[in-house]
N, C-alpha and C. Protein backbone atom coordinates (compact mmCIF):
# COMPACT_ATOMS: atom_id res chain seq x y z
N MET A 1 117.51 -264.81 -146.83
CA MET A 1 117.51 -263.38 -146.62
C MET A 1 118.00 -263.11 -145.20
N LYS A 2 119.00 -262.27 -145.08
CA LYS A 2 119.58 -262.00 -143.77
C LYS A 2 118.68 -261.14 -142.90
N GLY A 3 118.03 -260.18 -143.49
CA GLY A 3 117.20 -259.28 -142.69
C GLY A 3 116.30 -258.45 -143.59
N ILE A 4 115.44 -257.71 -142.97
CA ILE A 4 114.52 -256.83 -143.70
C ILE A 4 114.76 -255.42 -143.19
N ASN A 5 114.94 -254.49 -144.14
CA ASN A 5 115.10 -253.10 -143.74
C ASN A 5 113.84 -252.32 -144.07
N ILE A 6 113.82 -251.06 -143.72
CA ILE A 6 112.63 -250.24 -143.89
C ILE A 6 112.27 -250.07 -145.37
N ALA A 7 113.22 -250.04 -146.24
CA ALA A 7 112.94 -249.92 -147.68
C ALA A 7 112.19 -251.16 -148.16
N ASP A 8 112.58 -252.33 -147.66
CA ASP A 8 111.88 -253.57 -148.02
C ASP A 8 110.43 -253.53 -147.53
N LEU A 9 110.26 -253.06 -146.32
CA LEU A 9 108.91 -252.99 -145.76
C LEU A 9 108.02 -252.02 -146.53
N ARG A 10 108.60 -250.91 -146.99
CA ARG A 10 107.81 -249.92 -147.74
C ARG A 10 107.33 -250.46 -149.08
N ARG A 11 108.02 -251.43 -149.62
CA ARG A 11 107.63 -252.01 -150.91
C ARG A 11 106.53 -253.07 -150.77
N LEU A 12 106.29 -253.53 -149.56
CA LEU A 12 105.27 -254.56 -149.37
C LEU A 12 103.88 -253.96 -149.52
N PRO A 13 102.98 -254.67 -150.22
CA PRO A 13 101.61 -254.17 -150.33
C PRO A 13 100.91 -254.24 -148.96
N MET A 14 100.13 -253.24 -148.66
CA MET A 14 99.42 -253.19 -147.39
C MET A 14 97.92 -253.15 -147.69
N PRO A 15 97.24 -254.30 -147.52
CA PRO A 15 95.80 -254.31 -147.79
C PRO A 15 95.06 -253.44 -146.77
N CYS A 16 94.10 -252.70 -147.25
CA CYS A 16 93.31 -251.85 -146.38
C CYS A 16 91.85 -251.95 -146.81
N PRO A 17 90.98 -252.42 -145.93
CA PRO A 17 89.58 -252.54 -146.30
C PRO A 17 88.95 -251.17 -146.57
N THR A 18 87.93 -251.16 -147.39
CA THR A 18 87.21 -249.92 -147.65
C THR A 18 86.54 -249.46 -146.36
N LEU A 19 86.11 -248.21 -146.35
CA LEU A 19 85.44 -247.67 -145.17
C LEU A 19 84.18 -248.46 -144.86
N ASP A 20 83.42 -248.83 -145.89
CA ASP A 20 82.21 -249.63 -145.67
C ASP A 20 82.55 -250.96 -145.00
N GLU A 21 83.62 -251.60 -145.47
CA GLU A 21 84.04 -252.87 -144.89
C GLU A 21 84.50 -252.68 -143.45
N GLN A 22 85.23 -251.60 -143.19
CA GLN A 22 85.67 -251.32 -141.82
C GLN A 22 84.48 -251.11 -140.89
N LEU A 23 83.47 -250.39 -141.37
CA LEU A 23 82.28 -250.14 -140.57
C LEU A 23 81.50 -251.43 -140.32
N ARG A 24 81.45 -252.32 -141.33
CA ARG A 24 80.78 -253.62 -141.16
C ARG A 24 81.51 -254.46 -140.12
N ILE A 25 82.83 -254.47 -140.20
CA ILE A 25 83.64 -255.22 -139.23
C ILE A 25 83.45 -254.66 -137.82
N GLU A 26 83.43 -253.33 -137.72
CA GLU A 26 83.22 -252.69 -136.42
C GLU A 26 81.86 -253.10 -135.84
N SER A 27 80.85 -253.10 -136.67
CA SER A 27 79.51 -253.48 -136.24
C SER A 27 79.48 -254.93 -135.74
N GLN A 28 80.15 -255.81 -136.46
CA GLN A 28 80.22 -257.21 -136.05
C GLN A 28 80.95 -257.37 -134.72
N LEU A 29 82.02 -256.61 -134.54
CA LEU A 29 82.78 -256.68 -133.28
C LEU A 29 81.96 -256.16 -132.11
N ILE A 30 81.22 -255.08 -132.34
CA ILE A 30 80.37 -254.53 -131.28
C ILE A 30 79.29 -255.54 -130.89
N GLU A 31 78.69 -256.19 -131.89
CA GLU A 31 77.67 -257.20 -131.62
C GLU A 31 78.26 -258.40 -130.88
N ALA A 32 79.45 -258.83 -131.29
CA ALA A 32 80.10 -259.95 -130.61
C ALA A 32 80.45 -259.59 -129.17
N GLU A 33 80.89 -258.35 -128.96
CA GLU A 33 81.22 -257.91 -127.61
C GLU A 33 79.95 -257.87 -126.75
N ARG A 34 78.84 -257.42 -127.31
CA ARG A 34 77.56 -257.38 -126.59
C ARG A 34 77.13 -258.81 -126.22
N ASP A 35 77.25 -259.74 -127.18
CA ASP A 35 76.90 -261.13 -126.90
C ASP A 35 77.77 -261.72 -125.80
N ASN A 36 79.06 -261.40 -125.85
CA ASN A 36 80.00 -261.91 -124.84
C ASN A 36 79.65 -261.36 -123.46
N LEU A 37 79.33 -260.09 -123.39
CA LEU A 37 78.95 -259.49 -122.11
C LEU A 37 77.69 -260.14 -121.56
N ARG A 38 76.71 -260.39 -122.42
CA ARG A 38 75.47 -261.03 -121.98
C ARG A 38 75.74 -262.46 -121.47
N ALA A 39 76.62 -263.18 -122.16
CA ALA A 39 76.98 -264.53 -121.72
C ALA A 39 77.67 -264.48 -120.36
N GLN A 40 78.55 -263.51 -120.16
CA GLN A 40 79.21 -263.36 -118.87
C GLN A 40 78.20 -263.07 -117.77
N GLN A 41 77.21 -262.21 -118.07
CA GLN A 41 76.18 -261.89 -117.08
C GLN A 41 75.35 -263.13 -116.74
N LEU A 42 75.04 -263.94 -117.75
CA LEU A 42 74.27 -265.16 -117.50
C LEU A 42 75.05 -266.14 -116.64
N VAL A 43 76.33 -266.29 -116.90
CA VAL A 43 77.17 -267.20 -116.11
C VAL A 43 77.25 -266.71 -114.67
N THR A 44 77.41 -265.41 -114.49
CA THR A 44 77.47 -264.84 -113.14
C THR A 44 76.16 -265.09 -112.40
N GLU A 45 75.03 -264.87 -113.08
CA GLU A 45 73.72 -265.09 -112.47
C GLU A 45 73.52 -266.58 -112.15
N PHE A 46 73.92 -267.46 -113.06
CA PHE A 46 73.81 -268.90 -112.84
C PHE A 46 74.64 -269.32 -111.63
N ASP A 47 75.84 -268.79 -111.54
CA ASP A 47 76.72 -269.10 -110.41
C ASP A 47 76.08 -268.64 -109.10
N ARG A 48 75.50 -267.45 -109.09
CA ARG A 48 74.83 -266.93 -107.89
C ARG A 48 73.67 -267.83 -107.49
N LEU A 49 72.89 -268.27 -108.47
CA LEU A 49 71.76 -269.14 -108.17
C LEU A 49 72.21 -270.50 -107.63
N ILE A 50 73.28 -271.04 -108.17
CA ILE A 50 73.79 -272.33 -107.68
C ILE A 50 74.21 -272.20 -106.22
N VAL A 51 74.93 -271.13 -105.90
CA VAL A 51 75.37 -270.92 -104.52
C VAL A 51 74.15 -270.77 -103.60
N GLU A 52 73.16 -270.00 -104.05
CA GLU A 52 71.94 -269.80 -103.25
C GLU A 52 71.22 -271.13 -103.01
N ARG A 53 71.08 -271.93 -104.04
CA ARG A 53 70.38 -273.22 -103.89
C ARG A 53 71.17 -274.21 -103.04
N LYS A 54 72.48 -274.15 -103.15
CA LYS A 54 73.33 -275.01 -102.32
C LYS A 54 73.13 -274.66 -100.85
N ARG A 55 73.13 -273.37 -100.55
CA ARG A 55 72.93 -272.93 -99.16
C ARG A 55 71.54 -273.35 -98.66
N ALA A 56 70.53 -273.20 -99.50
CA ALA A 56 69.17 -273.58 -99.11
C ALA A 56 69.08 -275.07 -98.85
N LEU A 57 69.73 -275.88 -99.68
CA LEU A 57 69.72 -277.33 -99.49
C LEU A 57 70.42 -277.72 -98.20
N ILE A 58 71.56 -277.12 -97.94
CA ILE A 58 72.30 -277.41 -96.71
C ILE A 58 71.46 -277.01 -95.50
N SER A 59 70.86 -275.83 -95.59
CA SER A 59 70.02 -275.36 -94.48
C SER A 59 68.84 -276.30 -94.24
N ALA A 60 68.21 -276.74 -95.32
CA ALA A 60 67.07 -277.66 -95.19
C ALA A 60 67.51 -278.99 -94.59
N ALA A 61 68.68 -279.47 -94.98
CA ALA A 61 69.18 -280.74 -94.44
C ALA A 61 69.50 -280.61 -92.96
N VAL A 62 70.12 -279.50 -92.58
CA VAL A 62 70.52 -279.29 -91.19
C VAL A 62 69.31 -279.10 -90.28
N THR A 63 68.27 -278.43 -90.79
CA THR A 63 67.09 -278.17 -89.96
C THR A 63 66.05 -279.29 -90.02
N GLY A 64 66.36 -280.36 -90.76
CA GLY A 64 65.46 -281.50 -90.81
C GLY A 64 64.32 -281.36 -91.80
N GLN A 65 64.35 -280.35 -92.64
CA GLN A 65 63.31 -280.17 -93.65
C GLN A 65 63.54 -281.07 -94.86
N PHE A 66 64.70 -281.70 -94.89
CA PHE A 66 65.09 -282.55 -96.02
C PHE A 66 65.68 -283.82 -95.43
N ASP A 67 65.14 -284.97 -95.83
CA ASP A 67 65.62 -286.25 -95.30
C ASP A 67 66.83 -286.69 -96.08
N VAL A 68 68.00 -286.50 -95.49
CA VAL A 68 69.26 -286.84 -96.14
C VAL A 68 69.39 -288.34 -96.36
N SER A 69 68.80 -289.15 -95.51
CA SER A 69 68.96 -290.61 -95.61
C SER A 69 68.29 -291.17 -96.86
N THR A 70 67.32 -290.49 -97.41
CA THR A 70 66.65 -291.00 -98.62
C THR A 70 67.22 -290.39 -99.90
N ALA A 71 68.13 -289.48 -99.76
CA ALA A 71 68.74 -288.86 -100.96
C ALA A 71 69.65 -289.84 -101.64
N ARG A 72 69.64 -289.83 -102.97
CA ARG A 72 70.51 -290.73 -103.74
C ARG A 72 71.62 -289.94 -104.43
N SER A 73 72.73 -290.58 -104.62
CA SER A 73 73.83 -289.98 -105.36
C SER A 73 73.57 -290.15 -106.85
N LEU A 74 73.88 -289.14 -107.62
CA LEU A 74 73.71 -289.21 -109.07
C LEU A 74 74.94 -289.83 -109.74
N ALA A 75 75.99 -290.02 -108.99
CA ALA A 75 77.23 -290.54 -109.58
C ALA A 75 77.17 -292.04 -109.76
């Protein structure tokens, strides 16, 4: 087939979900978007806590509250 014209496109069946199905899909998308936003918030909070704990650890090591010589590497 060399090409498709508008008449060919008009003859193609176009599936369309019922209104109930559209509303169910919309509800699922809204719920998925809510879950995604919550996951993003948790990652942001986790990242903030990691930075805070890293700073506290460095501060403790520098001020002598943490004995760096007895620390072991986990690697």
